[in-house]
C-alpha atoms as a PDB file:
ATOM      1  CA  MET A   1     -98.378  -3.459  79.524  1.00  0.00           C
ATOM      2  CA  ALA A   2     -95.338  -1.397  79.922  1.00  0.00           C
ATOM      3  CA  SER A   3     -92.148  -1.926  78.531  1.00  0.00           C
ATOM      4  CA  GLN A   4     -89.259  -3.772  80.850  1.00  0.00           C
ATOM      5  CA  ALA A   5     -86.015  -3.152  81.194  1.00  0.00           C
ATOM      6  CA  ALA A   6     -83.894  -6.543  82.215  1.00  0.00           C
ATOM      7  CA  ILE A   7     -81.228  -6.166  85.190  1.00  0.00           C
ATOM      8  CA  LEU A   8     -78.537  -8.395  85.892  1.00  0.00           C
ATOM      9  CA  VAL A   9     -77.991  -9.685  89.747  1.00  0.00           C
ATOM     10  CA  LYS A  10     -74.683 -11.539  89.639  1.00  0.00           C
ATOM     11  CA  VAL A  11     -74.384 -14.285  92.414  1.00  0.00           C
ATOM     12  CA  ASP A  12     -71.614 -16.737  93.222  1.00  0.00           C
ATOM     13  CA  LYS A  13     -72.234 -20.387  92.660  1.00  0.00           C
ATOM     14  CA  GLU A  14     -72.861 -22.025  95.665  1.00  0.00           C
ATOM     15  CA  MET A  15     -75.581 -19.282  96.883  1.00  0.00           C
ATOM     16  CA  LYS A  16     -76.929 -19.510  93.187  1.00  0.00           C
ATOM     17  CA  MET A  17     -77.048 -23.247  93.703  1.00  0.00           C
ATOM     18  CA  ARG A  18     -79.248 -22.477  97.076  1.00  0.00           C
ATOM     19  CA  MET A  19     -81.448 -20.953  95.035  1.00  0.00           C
ATOM     20  CA  LYS A  20     -82.397 -23.316  93.264  1.00  0.00           C
ATOM     21  CA  ASP A  21     -82.858 -25.549  95.999  1.00  0.00           C
ATOM     22  CA  VAL A  22     -85.731 -22.793  97.521  1.00  0.00           C
ATOM     23  CA  LYS A  23     -88.590 -23.049  95.422  1.00  0.00           C
ATOM     24  CA  ILE A  24     -89.069 -18.944  95.250  1.00  0.00           C
ATOM     25  CA  ASN A  25     -90.132 -16.857  91.440  1.00  0.00           C
ATOM     26  CA  TRP A  26     -86.706 -14.667  91.845  1.00  0.00           C
ATOM     27  CA  SER A  27     -87.511 -12.562  89.806  1.00  0.00           C
ATOM     28  CA  ALA A  28     -90.908 -11.326  91.331  1.00  0.00           C
ATOM     29  CA  GLU A  29     -88.907 -11.843  94.991  1.00  0.00           C
ATOM     30  CA  ILE A  30     -86.409  -8.705  93.130  1.00  0.00           C
ATOM     31  CA  ARG A  31     -89.373  -6.284  92.383  1.00  0.00           C
ATOM     32  CA  ARG A  32     -91.030  -6.460  95.109  1.00  0.00           C
ATOM     33  CA  PHE A  33     -88.185  -5.451  97.638  1.00  0.00           C
ATOM     34  CA  ILE A  34     -86.898  -3.082  94.869  1.00  0.00           C
ATOM     35  CA  GLU A  35     -90.639  -1.424  95.157  1.00  0.00           C
ATOM     36  CA  THR A  36     -90.241  -1.540  98.788  1.00  0.00           C
ATOM     37  CA  ARG A  37     -87.683  -0.013  98.681  1.00  0.00           C
ATOM     38  CA  ILE A  38     -88.492   3.182  96.400  1.00  0.00           C
ATOM     39  CA  SER A  39     -91.278   3.201  98.618  1.00  0.00           C
ATOM     40  CA  GLU A  40     -89.667   3.199 101.787  1.00  0.00           C
ATOM     41  CA  ASN A  41     -87.371   5.899 100.300  1.00  0.00           C
ATOM     42  CA  LYS A  42     -89.963   8.868  99.058  1.00  0.00           C
ATOM     43  CA  GLU A  43     -91.506   8.027 102.729  1.00  0.00           C
ATOM     44  CA  ARG A  44     -88.280   8.629 104.449  1.00  0.00           C
ATOM     45  CA  ARG A  45     -87.954  12.183 102.256  1.00  0.00           C
ATOM     46  CA  LEU A  46     -91.473  12.762 102.840  1.00  0.00           C
ATOM     47  CA  ALA A  47     -90.872  12.783 106.350  1.00  0.00           C
ATOM     48  CA  GLU A  48     -87.697  14.596 105.776  1.00  0.00           C
ATOM     49  CA  ALA A  49     -89.365  17.501 103.929  1.00  0.00           C
ATOM     50  CA  VAL A  50     -92.720  17.811 106.605  1.00  0.00           C
ATOM     51  CA  MET A  51     -89.513  18.219 109.228  1.00  0.00           C
ATOM     52  CA  LEU A  52     -87.881  20.763 107.711  1.00  0.00           C
ATOM     53  CA  THR A  53     -90.687  22.259 107.250  1.00  0.00           C
ATOM     54  CA  ASP A  54     -91.404  22.688 111.088  1.00  0.00           C
ATOM     55  CA  ARG A  55     -87.965  23.522 111.286  1.00  0.00           C
ATOM     56  CA  ILE A  56     -88.321  26.132 109.430  1.00  0.00           C
ATOM     57  CA  TYR A  57     -92.129  27.215 110.788  1.00  0.00           C
ATOM     58  CA  TYR A  58     -91.080  27.022 114.243  1.00  0.00           C
ATOM     59  CA  SER A  59     -87.599  29.269 114.056  1.00  0.00           C
ATOM     60  CA  ARG A  60     -89.039  32.387 112.695  1.00  0.00           C
ATOM     61  CA  LYS A  61     -88.608  34.704 115.296  1.00  0.00           C
ATOM     62  CA  LYS A  62     -91.730  35.931 116.374  1.00  0.00           C
ATOM     63  CA  SER A  63     -93.696  39.364 115.847  1.00  0.00           C
ATOM     64  CA  ARG A  64     -93.136  41.356 118.792  1.00  0.00           C
ATOM     65  CA  TYR A  65     -96.297  43.143 117.326  1.00  0.00           C
ATOM     66  CA  ASP A  66     -99.993  41.668 117.625  1.00  0.00           C
ATOM     67  CA  SER A  67    -101.367  42.230 114.080  1.00  0.00           C
ATOM     68  CA  THR A  68    -105.168  42.047 115.091  1.00  0.00           C
ATOM     69  CA  GLU A  69    -103.669  45.781 117.215  1.00  0.00           C
ATOM     70  CA  ILE A  70    -101.908  47.196 114.190  1.00  0.00           C
ATOM     71  CA  ILE A  71    -105.298  46.711 112.496  1.00  0.00           C
ATOM     72  CA  ARG A  72    -107.832  47.988 115.321  1.00  0.00           C
ATOM     73  CA  LYS A  73    -105.230  50.844 115.416  1.00  0.00           C
ATOM     74  CA  PHE A  74    -105.564  52.113 111.339  1.00  0.00           C
ATOM     75  CA  ARG A  75    -109.098  50.893 111.437  1.00  0.00           C
ATOM     76  CA  ASP A  76    -110.419  53.276 114.384  1.00  0.00           C
ATOM     77  CA  GLU A  77    -107.667  56.400 112.900  1.00  0.00           C
ATOM     78  CA  ARG A  78    -109.829  55.955 109.486  1.00  0.00           C
ATOM     79  CA  TYR A  79    -113.423  54.677 110.296  1.00  0.00           C
ATOM     80  CA  GLY A  80    -113.496  56.362 114.755  1.00  0.00           C
ATOM     81  CA  GLN A  81    -113.253  54.795 118.075  1.00  0.00           C
ATOM     82  CA  GLY A  82    -114.685  51.029 118.070  1.00  0.00           C
ATOM     83  CA  SER A  83    -115.676  50.878 114.437  1.00  0.00           C
ATOM     84  CA  ARG A  84    -116.201  46.989 112.935  1.00  0.00           C
END
């Protein structure tokens, strides 16, 4: 079992009384909430990374040159017209 650390959550007396009236395992409930928030944060950061990558990719200036034409030119010069 992994070691555990304790956290303290303060609530006012009225809230504490209302919590006792409800049959909920508050420790488990808080752990699930924390795990959900961590997961949502990871997903949000991943989505932001994807959007940033897309923005960088699509913002690049398009080359005025067609690389296939340049390669064909050098191959033709090196090996002769129509070489494959």
